[in-house]
Amino acid sequence: MTASYIIGVVFGILGGILNQFGQLLEKLAVNQVRKDSAGVGFFLRLLKNRVWVFGVLFGLFGGTALYMVAQSMIGPALTPGLMASGLIVLAIGSVRLNQETLNASEITGIGLMILGILFLGLSELGINQTQVRATLADDEALHRIAAFTGGLFFLVFAVRVSAERVSGRKGMLIGLTNGFLACLSDFWINPLLALFVIVLSGSGSSLQNTIFVVAALILMTTDLSITWQNQLAFKVAQASNVVPVAQVPVQISPIIVYFYIFALKPPSTISVIYILAGTVLTVVSGFLLGRRKEEPVV
């Protein structure tokens, strides 16, 4: 392993810790606001809550900054898995900070998720910026990117509509919606980083400029939507359930990105074993964490 790879892994893990700690603070603020039903609307009260503001700063800005550095060094196949290492912080903090409870099934689910993430991280499915730029210049790859993006947007819409119609599962389904939005963000941050210097220096082609703008718009839209929807999910469900459920598509999509969009071969046979094990464990984990009945809306 190169020094760049190791540094990228470290930044990915630190980014995940900051991101999950930020979400813990957001959930704490949501709980505080729910108890105070008087005054202005829910989101306006959150904006006035210092704990919530610090949570957003830690998660959306601190975690995202480290995530972008990790993406630029080891690519989109490994970084989402490393970021999810913060689930350990989430599991402990949810109990200690937010007085959430975890039953045996949920503890098993979080354990399986962490193990699955470890296997996916060990697969070494790294993608560098040169490979990203080469893929963006390939017409067939662009068609695959369009299909991947369109499919994720469809899933976002379908699951979000279901969240309003399925009784007792609103928070979990919103969390799953956020997972699909995060898949979009995880992928499209790579074209943004790969083309950043080229486009801003004025030497980008019309296609590169267009891709850069599309990537920026998707990133801005998905990140804001995830932050907004998290608060809605936290009103009715535990953070220790909502966030891991969102990780199910987040951990599976890099495999699609690696093999379908970039059409790359795994570095070794053991990598395939790690990928299969990690995917199975992640799916089982999501099932275990999504079984809890939710809290009534306040």
C-alpha atoms as a PDB file:
ATOM      1  CA  MET A   1       0.000   0.000   0.000  1.00  0.00           C
ATOM      2  CA  THR A   2       1.282   3.462  -0.876  1.00  0.00           C
ATOM      3  CA  ALA A   3       1.522   6.391   1.529  1.00  0.00           C
ATOM      4  CA  SER A   4      -1.197   8.181  -0.441  1.00  0.00           C
ATOM      5  CA  TYR A   5      -3.531   5.211  -0.025  1.00  0.00           C
ATOM      6  CA  ILE A   6      -2.935   5.036   3.745  1.00  0.00           C
ATOM      7  CA  ILE A   7      -3.451   8.800   4.166  1.00  0.00           C
ATOM      8  CA  GLY A   8      -6.658   8.583   2.145  1.00  0.00           C
ATOM      9  CA  VAL A   9      -7.897   5.753   4.380  1.00  0.00           C
ATOM     10  CA  VAL A  10      -7.125   7.783   7.521  1.00  0.00           C
ATOM     11  CA  PHE A  11      -8.967  10.840   6.198  1.00  0.00           C
ATOM     12  CA  GLY A  12     -11.932   8.659   5.230  1.00  0.00           C
ATOM     13  CA  ILE A  13     -12.177   7.250   8.765  1.00  0.00           C
ATOM     14  CA  LEU A  14     -11.797  10.686  10.413  1.00  0.00           C
ATOM     15  CA  GLY A  15     -14.402  12.138   8.060  1.00  0.00           C
ATOM     16  CA  GLY A  16     -16.821   9.392   9.071  1.00  0.00           C
ATOM     17  CA  ILE A  17     -16.269  10.066  12.759  1.00  0.00           C
ATOM     18  CA  LEU A  18     -16.937  13.791  12.330  1.00  0.00           C
ATOM     19  CA  ASN A  19     -19.992  13.118  10.185  1.00  0.00           C
ATOM     20  CA  GLN A  20     -21.598  10.722  12.644  1.00  0.00           C
ATOM     21  CA  PHE A  21     -20.771  12.905  15.649  1.00  0.00           C
ATOM     22  CA  GLY A  22     -22.461  15.794  13.868  1.00  0.00           C
ATOM     23  CA  GLN A  23     -25.574  13.698  13.327  1.00  0.00           C
ATOM     24  CA  LEU A  24     -25.614  12.774  17.017  1.00  0.00           C
ATOM     25  CA  LEU A  25     -25.688  16.467  17.886  1.00  0.00           C
ATOM     26  CA  GLU A  26     -28.454  17.060  15.331  1.00  0.00           C
ATOM     27  CA  LYS A  27     -30.546  14.296  16.911  1.00  0.00           C
ATOM     28  CA  LEU A  28     -29.917  15.775  20.391  1.00  0.00           C
ATOM     29  CA  ALA A  29     -31.171  19.149  19.168  1.00  0.00           C
ATOM     30  CA  VAL A  30     -34.227  17.585  17.532  1.00  0.00           C
ATOM     31  CA  ASN A  31     -35.089  15.920  20.848  1.00  0.00           C
ATOM     32  CA  GLN A  32     -34.749  19.278  22.631  1.00  0.00           C
ATOM     33  CA  VAL A  33     -36.961  21.047  20.092  1.00  0.00           C
ATOM     34  CA  ARG A  34     -39.604  18.320  20.238  1.00  0.00           C
ATOM     35  CA  LYS A  35     -39.954  18.848  23.996  1.00  0.00           C
ATOM     36  CA  ASP A  36     -40.454  22.577  23.431  1.00  0.00           C
ATOM     37  CA  SER A  37     -43.621  22.659  21.342  1.00  0.00           C
ATOM     38  CA  ALA A  38     -44.226  26.383  21.816  1.00  0.00           C
ATOM     39  CA  GLY A  39     -42.858  29.111  19.587  1.00  0.00           C
ATOM     40  CA  VAL A  40     -41.956  29.180  15.923  1.00  0.00           C
ATOM     41  CA  GLY A  41     -41.884  26.241  13.517  1.00  0.00           C
ATOM     42  CA  PHE A  42     -39.739  23.138  13.863  1.00  0.00           C
ATOM     43  CA  PHE A  43     -36.959  24.077  11.430  1.00  0.00           C
ATOM     44  CA  LEU A  44     -36.750  27.675  12.577  1.00  0.00           C
ATOM     45  CA  ARG A  45     -36.314  26.463  16.147  1.00  0.00           C
ATOM     46  CA  LEU A  46     -33.549  24.144  14.996  1.00  0.00           C
ATOM     47  CA  LEU A  47     -31.753  27.044  13.310  1.00  0.00           C
ATOM     48  CA  LYS A  48     -31.793  28.869  16.650  1.00  0.00           C
ATOM     49  CA  ASN A  49     -30.442  25.856  18.525  1.00  0.00           C
ATOM     50  CA  ARG A  50     -26.649  26.049  19.012  1.00  0.00           C
ATOM     51  CA  VAL A  51     -26.292  22.284  19.420  1.00  0.00           C
ATOM     52  CA  TRP A  52     -27.926  21.731  16.025  1.00  0.00           C
ATOM     53  CA  VAL A  53     -25.747  24.377  14.354  1.00  0.00           C
ATOM     54  CA  PHE A  54     -22.585  22.764  15.750  1.00  0.00           C
ATOM     55  CA  GLY A  55     -23.854  19.383  14.593  1.00  0.00           C
ATOM     56  CA  VAL A  56     -24.266  20.651  11.043  1.00  0.00           C
ATOM     57  CA  LEU A  57     -20.820  22.271  11.136  1.00  0.00           C
ATOM     58  CA  PHE A  58     -19.197  19.041  12.328  1.00  0.00           C
ATOM     59  CA  GLY A  59     -21.074  16.779   9.934  1.00  0.00           C
ATOM     60  CA  LEU A  60     -21.803  18.718   6.779  1.00  0.00           C
ATOM     61  CA  PHE A  61     -18.638  20.799   6.667  1.00  0.00           C
ATOM     62  CA  GLY A  62     -15.963  19.065   8.755  1.00  0.00           C
ATOM     63  CA  GLY A  63     -16.867  15.541   7.685  1.00  0.00           C
ATOM     64  CA  THR A  64     -17.434  16.576   4.076  1.00  0.00           C
ATOM     65  CA  ALA A  65     -14.059  18.336   3.845  1.00  0.00           C
ATOM     66  CA  LEU A  66     -12.180  15.215   4.967  1.00  0.00           C
ATOM     67  CA  TYR A  67     -14.399  13.090   2.743  1.00  0.00           C
ATOM     68  CA  MET A  68     -13.436  15.151  -0.312  1.00  0.00           C
ATOM     69  CA  VAL A  69      -9.743  14.753   0.495  1.00  0.00           C
ATOM     70  CA  ALA A  70     -10.184  10.991   0.864  1.00  0.00           C
ATOM     71  CA  GLN A  71     -12.132  10.798  -2.403  1.00  0.00           C
ATOM     72  CA  SER A  72      -9.378  12.618  -4.266  1.00  0.00           C
ATOM     73  CA  MET A  73      -6.798  10.117  -2.960  1.00  0.00           C
ATOM     74  CA  ILE A  74      -8.535   6.713  -3.060  1.00  0.00           C
ATOM     75  CA  GLY A  75     -11.687   7.263  -5.134  1.00  0.00           C
ATOM     76  CA  PRO A  76     -15.412   6.435  -4.857  1.00  0.00           C
ATOM     77  CA  ALA A  77     -15.232   2.684  -4.324  1.00  0.00           C
ATOM     78  CA  LEU A  78     -13.509   2.721  -0.924  1.00  0.00           C
ATOM     79  CA  THR A  79     -14.338   6.059   0.681  1.00  0.00           C
ATOM     80  CA  PRO A  80     -18.049   5.431   1.506  1.00  0.00           C
ATOM     81  CA  GLY A  81     -17.123   2.296   3.424  1.00  0.00           C
ATOM     82  CA  LEU A  82     -14.408   4.058   5.373  1.00  0.00           C
ATOM     83  CA  MET A  83     -16.711   6.970   6.167  1.00  0.00           C
ATOM     84  CA  ALA A  84     -19.175   4.539   7.709  1.00  0.00           C
ATOM     85  CA  SER A  85     -16.588   3.631  10.344  1.00  0.00           C
ATOM     86  CA  GLY A  86     -18.195   6.482  12.294  1.00  0.00           C
ATOM     87  CA  LEU A  87     -21.079   4.094  13.035  1.00  0.00           C
ATOM     88  CA  ILE A  88     -19.094   3.000  16.077  1.00  0.00           C
ATOM     89  CA  VAL A  89     -19.285   6.577  17.372  1.00  0.00           C
ATOM     90  CA  LEU A  90     -22.978   6.664  16.483  1.00  0.00           C
ATOM     91  CA  ALA A  91     -23.778   3.452  18.361  1.00  0.00           C
ATOM     92  CA  ILE A  92     -21.996   4.528  21.549  1.00  0.00           C
ATOM     93  CA  GLY A  93     -23.088   8.167  21.385  1.00  0.00           C
ATOM     94  CA  SER A  94     -26.752   7.346  20.745  1.00  0.00           C
ATOM     95  CA  VAL A  95     -26.913   5.493  24.039  1.00  0.00           C
ATOM     96  CA  ARG A  96     -24.722   7.860  26.064  1.00  0.00           C
ATOM     97  CA  LEU A  97     -25.722  11.232  24.616  1.00  0.00           C
ATOM     98  CA  ASN A  98     -29.283  10.741  23.370  1.00  0.00           C
ATOM     99  CA  GLN A  99     -30.433   8.022  25.806  1.00  0.00           C
ATOM    100  CA  GLU A 100     -31.464   5.756  22.944  1.00  0.00           C
ATOM    101  CA  THR A 101     -31.861   2.034  23.542  1.00  0.00           C
ATOM    102  CA  LEU A 102     -30.453  -0.776  21.422  1.00  0.00           C
ATOM    103  CA  ASN A 103     -31.889  -4.271  21.571  1.00  0.00           C
ATOM    104  CA  ALA A 104     -29.917  -7.422  20.788  1.00  0.00           C
ATOM    105  CA  SER A 105     -31.051  -7.450  17.154  1.00  0.00           C
ATOM    106  CA  GLU A 106     -29.938  -3.847  16.609  1.00  0.00           C
ATOM    107  CA  ILE A 107     -26.590  -4.361  18.318  1.00  0.00           C
ATOM    108  CA  THR A 108     -26.054  -7.368  16.048  1.00  0.00           C
ATOM    109  CA  GLY A 109     -27.062  -5.242  13.044  1.00  0.00           C
ATOM    110  CA  ILE A 110     -24.553  -2.505  13.849  1.00  0.00           C
ATOM    111  CA  GLY A 111     -21.868  -5.126  14.436  1.00  0.00           C
ATOM    112  CA  LEU A 112     -22.587  -6.780  11.071  1.00  0.00           C
ATOM    113  CA  MET A 113     -22.576  -3.366   9.366  1.00  0.00           C
ATOM    114  CA  ILE A 114     -19.147  -2.536  10.801  1.00  0.00           C
ATOM    115  CA  LEU A 115     -17.825  -5.963   9.781  1.00  0.00           C
ATOM    116  CA  GLY A 116     -19.299  -5.586   6.294  1.00  0.00           C
ATOM    117  CA  ILE A 117     -17.699  -2.179   5.946  1.00  0.00           C
ATOM    118  CA  LEU A 118     -14.358  -3.654   7.016  1.00  0.00           C
ATOM    119  CA  PHE A 119     -14.593  -6.301   4.294  1.00  0.00           C
ATOM    120  CA  LEU A 120     -15.494  -3.702   1.656  1.00  0.00           C
ATOM    121  CA  GLY A 121     -12.580  -1.547   2.769  1.00  0.00           C
ATOM    122  CA  LEU A 122     -10.158  -4.485   2.516  1.00  0.00           C
ATOM    123  CA  SER A 123     -11.224  -5.106  -1.095  1.00  0.00           C
ATOM    124  CA  GLU A 124      -8.851  -2.318  -2.256  1.00  0.00           C
ATOM    125  CA  LEU A 125     -11.194  -1.161  -5.011  1.00  0.00           C
ATOM    126  CA  GLY A 126      -9.354   2.128  -5.446  1.00  0.00           C
ATOM    127  CA  ILE A 127     -10.102   4.497  -8.339  1.00  0.00           C
ATOM    128  CA  ASN A 128      -7.758   7.374  -9.150  1.00  0.00           C
ATOM    129  CA  GLN A 129      -8.480  10.746 -10.736  1.00  0.00           C
ATOM    130  CA  THR A 130      -6.887   9.728 -14.060  1.00  0.00           C
ATOM    131  CA  GLN A 131      -9.382   6.868 -14.350  1.00  0.00           C
ATOM    132  CA  VAL A 132     -12.244   9.239 -13.523  1.00  0.00           C
ATOM    133  CA  ARG A 133     -11.234  11.702 -16.267  1.00  0.00           C
ATOM    134  CA  ALA A 134     -10.802   8.878 -18.776  1.00  0.00           C
ATOM    135  CA  THR A 135     -14.284   7.556 -17.969  1.00  0.00           C
ATOM    136  CA  LEU A 136     -15.833  11.008 -18.409  1.00  0.00           C
ATOM    137  CA  ALA A 137     -14.362  11.125 -21.937  1.00  0.00           C
ATOM    138  CA  ASP A 138     -15.948   7.787 -22.902  1.00  0.00           C
ATOM    139  CA  ASP A 139     -19.390   8.034 -24.551  1.00  0.00           C
ATOM    140  CA  GLU A 140     -20.490   4.567 -23.425  1.00  0.00           C
ATOM    141  CA  ALA A 141     -19.425   5.333 -19.865  1.00  0.00           C
ATOM    142  CA  LEU A 142     -21.414   8.566 -19.952  1.00  0.00           C
ATOM    143  CA  HIS A 143     -24.507   6.573 -20.916  1.00  0.00           C
ATOM    144  CA  ARG A 144     -23.883   4.275 -17.954  1.00  0.00           C
ATOM    145  CA  ILE A 145     -23.469   7.301 -15.681  1.00  0.00           C
ATOM    146  CA  ALA A 146     -26.780   8.718 -16.943  1.00  0.00           C
ATOM    147  CA  ALA A 147     -28.563   5.404 -16.301  1.00  0.00           C
ATOM    148  CA  PHE A 148     -27.035   5.112 -12.827  1.00  0.00           C
ATOM    149  CA  THR A 149     -28.004   8.692 -11.930  1.00  0.00           C
ATOM    150  CA  GLY A 150     -31.516   8.387 -13.339  1.00  0.00           C
ATOM    151  CA  GLY A 151     -32.078   5.113 -11.496  1.00  0.00           C
ATOM    152  CA  LEU A 152     -31.027   6.635  -8.180  1.00  0.00           C
ATOM    153  CA  PHE A 153     -33.292   9.659  -8.649  1.00  0.00           C
ATOM    154  CA  PHE A 154     -36.190   7.294  -9.357  1.00  0.00           C
ATOM    155  CA  LEU A 155     -35.464   5.335  -6.155  1.00  0.00           C
ATOM    156  CA  VAL A 156     -35.248   8.596  -4.165  1.00  0.00           C
ATOM    157  CA  PHE A 157     -38.702   9.607  -5.406  1.00  0.00           C
ATOM    158  CA  ALA A 158     -40.302   6.165  -4.966  1.00  0.00           C
ATOM    159  CA  VAL A 159     -38.985   5.551  -1.439  1.00  0.00           C
ATOM    160  CA  ARG A 160     -39.775   9.101  -0.281  1.00  0.00           C
ATOM    161  CA  VAL A 161     -43.376   8.744  -1.457  1.00  0.00           C
ATOM    162  CA  SER A 162     -43.576   5.388   0.339  1.00  0.00           C
ATOM    163  CA  ALA A 163     -42.352   7.052   3.546  1.00  0.00           C
ATOM    164  CA  GLU A 164     -45.560   9.105   3.670  1.00  0.00           C
ATOM    165  CA  ARG A 165     -47.773   6.088   3.043  1.00  0.00           C
ATOM    166  CA  VAL A 166     -46.263   3.231   5.069  1.00  0.00           C
ATOM    167  CA  SER A 167     -47.372   3.390   8.687  1.00  0.00           C
ATOM    168  CA  GLY A 168     -44.710   3.166  11.390  1.00  0.00           C
ATOM    169  CA  ARG A 169     -41.753   3.226   9.010  1.00  0.00           C
ATOM    170  CA  LYS A 170     -41.509   6.874   8.003  1.00  0.00           C
ATOM    171  CA  GLY A 171     -38.159   7.562   9.672  1.00  0.00           C
ATOM    172  CA  MET A 172     -36.539   4.408   8.317  1.00  0.00           C
ATOM    173  CA  LEU A 173     -37.762   5.051   4.779  1.00  0.00           C
ATOM    174  CA  ILE A 174     -36.592   8.673   4.915  1.00  0.00           C
ATOM    175  CA  GLY A 175     -33.237   7.325   6.059  1.00  0.00           C
ATOM    176  CA  LEU A 176     -33.223   4.959   3.078  1.00  0.00           C
ATOM    177  CA  THR A 177     -34.064   7.907   0.809  1.00  0.00           C
ATOM    178  CA  ASN A 178     -31.049   9.722   2.242  1.00  0.00           C
ATOM    179  CA  GLY A 179     -28.969   6.655   1.462  1.00  0.00           C
ATOM    180  CA  PHE A 180     -29.853   6.890  -2.226  1.00  0.00           C
ATOM    181  CA  LEU A 181     -29.176  10.647  -2.179  1.00  0.00           C
ATOM    182  CA  ALA A 182     -25.787   9.941  -0.581  1.00  0.00           C
ATOM    183  CA  CYS A 183     -25.037   7.474  -3.396  1.00  0.00           C
ATOM    184  CA  LEU A 184     -25.517  10.325  -5.858  1.00  0.00           C
ATOM    185  CA  SER A 185     -23.300  12.609  -3.807  1.00  0.00           C
ATOM    186  CA  ASP A 186     -20.624   9.921  -3.366  1.00  0.00           C
ATOM    187  CA  PHE A 187     -20.371   9.394  -7.107  1.00  0.00           C
ATOM    188  CA  TRP A 188     -20.706  12.945  -8.439  1.00  0.00           C
ATOM    189  CA  ILE A 189     -18.085  14.389  -6.114  1.00  0.00           C
ATOM    190  CA  ASN A 190     -15.502  12.517  -8.208  1.00  0.00           C
ATOM    191  CA  PRO A 191     -16.140  14.337 -11.528  1.00  0.00           C
ATOM    192  CA  LEU A 192     -16.152  17.598  -9.554  1.00  0.00           C
ATOM    193  CA  LEU A 193     -12.727  16.889  -8.039  1.00  0.00           C
ATOM    194  CA  ALA A 194     -11.270  15.428 -11.238  1.00  0.00           C
ATOM    195  CA  LEU A 195     -12.285  18.455 -13.317  1.00  0.00           C
ATOM    196  CA  PHE A 196     -11.893  21.190 -10.695  1.00  0.00           C
ATOM    197  CA  VAL A 197      -8.511  22.555 -11.785  1.00  0.00           C
ATOM    198  CA  ILE A 198      -9.182  22.026 -15.507  1.00  0.00           C
ATOM    199  CA  VAL A 199     -12.498  23.879 -15.505  1.00  0.00           C
ATOM    200  CA  LEU A 200     -11.483  26.724 -13.179  1.00  0.00           C
ATOM    201  CA  SER A 201      -8.302  27.324 -15.214  1.00  0.00           C
ATOM    202  CA  GLY A 202     -10.482  27.875 -18.280  1.00  0.00           C
ATOM    203  CA  SER A 203      -9.016  24.950 -20.233  1.00  0.00           C
ATOM    204  CA  GLY A 204     -12.002  22.615 -19.949  1.00  0.00           C
ATOM    205  CA  SER A 205     -13.996  21.490 -22.980  1.00  0.00           C
ATOM    206  CA  SER A 206     -17.715  22.217 -23.275  1.00  0.00           C
ATOM    207  CA  LEU A 207     -18.454  18.660 -22.137  1.00  0.00           C
ATOM    208  CA  GLN A 208     -16.149  18.948 -19.130  1.00  0.00           C
ATOM    209  CA  ASN A 209     -17.661  22.300 -18.182  1.00  0.00           C
ATOM    210  CA  THR A 210     -21.180  20.834 -18.412  1.00  0.00           C
ATOM    211  CA  ILE A 211     -20.272  17.796 -16.309  1.00  0.00           C
ATOM    212  CA  PHE A 212     -18.664  20.055 -13.719  1.00  0.00           C
ATOM    213  CA  VAL A 213     -21.796  22.221 -13.402  1.00  0.00           C
ATOM    214  CA  VAL A 214     -24.063  19.161 -13.213  1.00  0.00           C
ATOM    215  CA  ALA A 215     -21.838  17.644 -10.519  1.00  0.00           C
ATOM    216  CA  ALA A 216     -21.877  20.861  -8.469  1.00  0.00           C
ATOM    217  CA  LEU A 217     -25.674  21.143  -8.696  1.00  0.00           C
ATOM    218  CA  ILE A 218     -26.222  17.506  -7.723  1.00  0.00           C
ATOM    219  CA  LEU A 219     -23.838  17.790  -4.772  1.00  0.00           C
ATOM    220  CA  MET A 220     -25.452  20.963  -3.467  1.00  0.00           C
ATOM    221  CA  THR A 221     -28.982  19.556  -3.865  1.00  0.00           C
ATOM    222  CA  THR A 222     -28.261  16.157  -2.322  1.00  0.00           C
ATOM    223  CA  ASP A 223     -26.293  17.462   0.674  1.00  0.00           C
ATOM    224  CA  LEU A 224     -28.945  20.027   1.590  1.00  0.00           C
ATOM    225  CA  SER A 225     -31.743  17.486   1.077  1.00  0.00           C
ATOM    226  CA  ILE A 226     -30.005  14.928   3.303  1.00  0.00           C
ATOM    227  CA  THR A 227     -29.545  17.480   6.098  1.00  0.00           C
ATOM    228  CA  TRP A 228     -33.178  18.597   5.882  1.00  0.00           C
ATOM    229  CA  GLN A 229     -34.614  15.074   5.701  1.00  0.00           C
ATOM    230  CA  ASN A 230     -32.457  13.816   8.561  1.00  0.00           C
ATOM    231  CA  GLN A 231     -34.273  16.145  10.927  1.00  0.00           C
ATOM    232  CA  LEU A 232     -37.644  14.803   9.765  1.00  0.00           C
ATOM    233  CA  ALA A 233     -36.448  11.234  10.318  1.00  0.00           C
ATOM    234  CA  PHE A 234     -34.991  12.088  13.738  1.00  0.00           C
ATOM    235  CA  LYS A 235     -38.419  13.346  14.869  1.00  0.00           C
ATOM    236  CA  VAL A 236     -39.870   9.841  14.700  1.00  0.00           C
ATOM    237  CA  ALA A 237     -36.943   7.399  14.850  1.00  0.00           C
ATOM    238  CA  GLN A 238     -33.658   6.807  16.633  1.00  0.00           C
ATOM    239  CA  ALA A 239     -30.465   8.047  15.010  1.00  0.00           C
ATOM    240  CA  SER A 240     -28.946   4.639  15.766  1.00  0.00           C
ATOM    241  CA  ASN A 241     -31.528   3.133  13.394  1.00  0.00           C
ATOM    242  CA  VAL A 242     -31.972   5.833  10.746  1.00  0.00           C
ATOM    243  CA  VAL A 243     -28.303   6.391   9.935  1.00  0.00           C
ATOM    244  CA  PRO A 244     -27.251   2.725   9.592  1.00  0.00           C
ATOM    245  CA  VAL A 245     -30.278   1.987   7.381  1.00  0.00           C
ATOM    246  CA  ALA A 246     -29.104   4.793   5.076  1.00  0.00           C
ATOM    247  CA  GLN A 247     -25.747   3.033   4.870  1.00  0.00           C
ATOM    248  CA  VAL A 248     -27.178  -0.005   3.051  1.00  0.00           C
ATOM    249  CA  PRO A 249     -27.338   1.583  -0.432  1.00  0.00           C
ATOM    250  CA  VAL A 250     -24.263   3.699   0.360  1.00  0.00           C
ATOM    251  CA  GLN A 251     -22.163   0.567   0.854  1.00  0.00           C
ATOM    252  CA  ILE A 252     -23.574  -1.318  -2.136  1.00  0.00           C
ATOM    253  CA  SER A 253     -23.435   1.463  -4.755  1.00  0.00           C
ATOM    254  CA  PRO A 254     -19.588   1.668  -4.872  1.00  0.00           C
ATOM    255  CA  ILE A 255     -19.578  -1.904  -6.180  1.00  0.00           C
ATOM    256  CA  ILE A 256     -21.892  -0.820  -9.020  1.00  0.00           C
ATOM    257  CA  VAL A 257     -19.696   2.218  -9.647  1.00  0.00           C
ATOM    258  CA  TYR A 258     -16.517   0.129  -9.788  1.00  0.00           C
ATOM    259  CA  PHE A 259     -17.755  -2.731 -11.973  1.00  0.00           C
ATOM    260  CA  TYR A 260     -20.511  -1.058 -14.027  1.00  0.00           C
ATOM    261  CA  ILE A 261     -19.583   2.579 -14.545  1.00  0.00           C
ATOM    262  CA  PHE A 262     -15.793   2.287 -14.533  1.00  0.00           C
ATOM    263  CA  ALA A 263     -15.849  -1.312 -15.861  1.00  0.00           C
ATOM    264  CA  LEU A 264     -12.753  -2.238 -13.841  1.00  0.00           C
ATOM    265  CA  LYS A 265     -11.487  -5.672 -12.820  1.00  0.00           C
ATOM    266  CA  PRO A 266     -10.905  -6.496  -9.142  1.00  0.00           C
ATOM    267  CA  PRO A 267      -7.238  -6.397  -8.086  1.00  0.00           C
ATOM    268  CA  SER A 268      -7.324 -10.028  -6.820  1.00  0.00           C
ATOM    269  CA  THR A 269      -9.550 -13.036  -6.148  1.00  0.00           C
ATOM    270  CA  ILE A 270      -9.658 -12.267  -2.437  1.00  0.00           C
ATOM    271  CA  SER A 271     -11.087  -8.850  -3.323  1.00  0.00           C
ATOM    272  CA  VAL A 272     -14.148 -10.551  -4.825  1.00  0.00           C
ATOM    273  CA  ILE A 273     -14.625 -12.572  -1.621  1.00  0.00           C
ATOM    274  CA  TYR A 274     -14.398  -9.416   0.478  1.00  0.00           C
ATOM    275  CA  ILE A 275     -16.904  -7.647  -1.784  1.00  0.00           C
ATOM    276  CA  LEU A 276     -19.463 -10.471  -1.596  1.00  0.00           C
ATOM    277  CA  ALA A 277     -19.081 -10.862   2.184  1.00  0.00           C
ATOM    278  CA  GLY A 278     -19.322  -7.120   2.778  1.00  0.00           C
ATOM    279  CA  THR A 279     -22.423  -6.760   0.622  1.00  0.00           C
ATOM    280  CA  VAL A 280     -24.285  -9.659   2.269  1.00  0.00           C
ATOM    281  CA  LEU A 281     -23.463  -8.442   5.782  1.00  0.00           C
ATOM    282  CA  THR A 282     -24.567  -4.906   4.924  1.00  0.00           C
ATOM    283  CA  VAL A 283     -27.947  -6.032   3.568  1.00  0.00           C
ATOM    284  CA  VAL A 284     -28.610  -8.275   6.597  1.00  0.00           C
ATOM    285  CA  SER A 285     -27.610  -5.416   8.898  1.00  0.00           C
ATOM    286  CA  GLY A 286     -30.063  -3.040   7.247  1.00  0.00           C
ATOM    287  CA  PHE A 287     -32.872  -5.551   7.764  1.00  0.00           C
ATOM    288  CA  LEU A 288     -32.063  -5.950  11.471  1.00  0.00           C
ATOM    289  CA  LEU A 289     -31.858  -2.190  12.054  1.00  0.00           C
ATOM    290  CA  GLY A 290     -35.084  -1.371  10.217  1.00  0.00           C
ATOM    291  CA  ARG A 291     -37.417  -3.512  12.340  1.00  0.00           C
ATOM    292  CA  ARG A 292     -38.044  -1.133  15.275  1.00  0.00           C
ATOM    293  CA  LYS A 293     -41.420   0.567  15.530  1.00  0.00           C
ATOM    294  CA  GLU A 294     -41.124   4.319  15.485  1.00  0.00           C
ATOM    295  CA  GLU A 295     -41.978   7.018  17.980  1.00  0.00           C
ATOM    296  CA  PRO A 296     -45.172   9.083  17.576  1.00  0.00           C
ATOM    297  CA  VAL A 297     -44.699  12.426  15.878  1.00  0.00           C
ATOM    298  CA  VAL A 298     -44.711  15.401  18.272  1.00  0.00           C
END
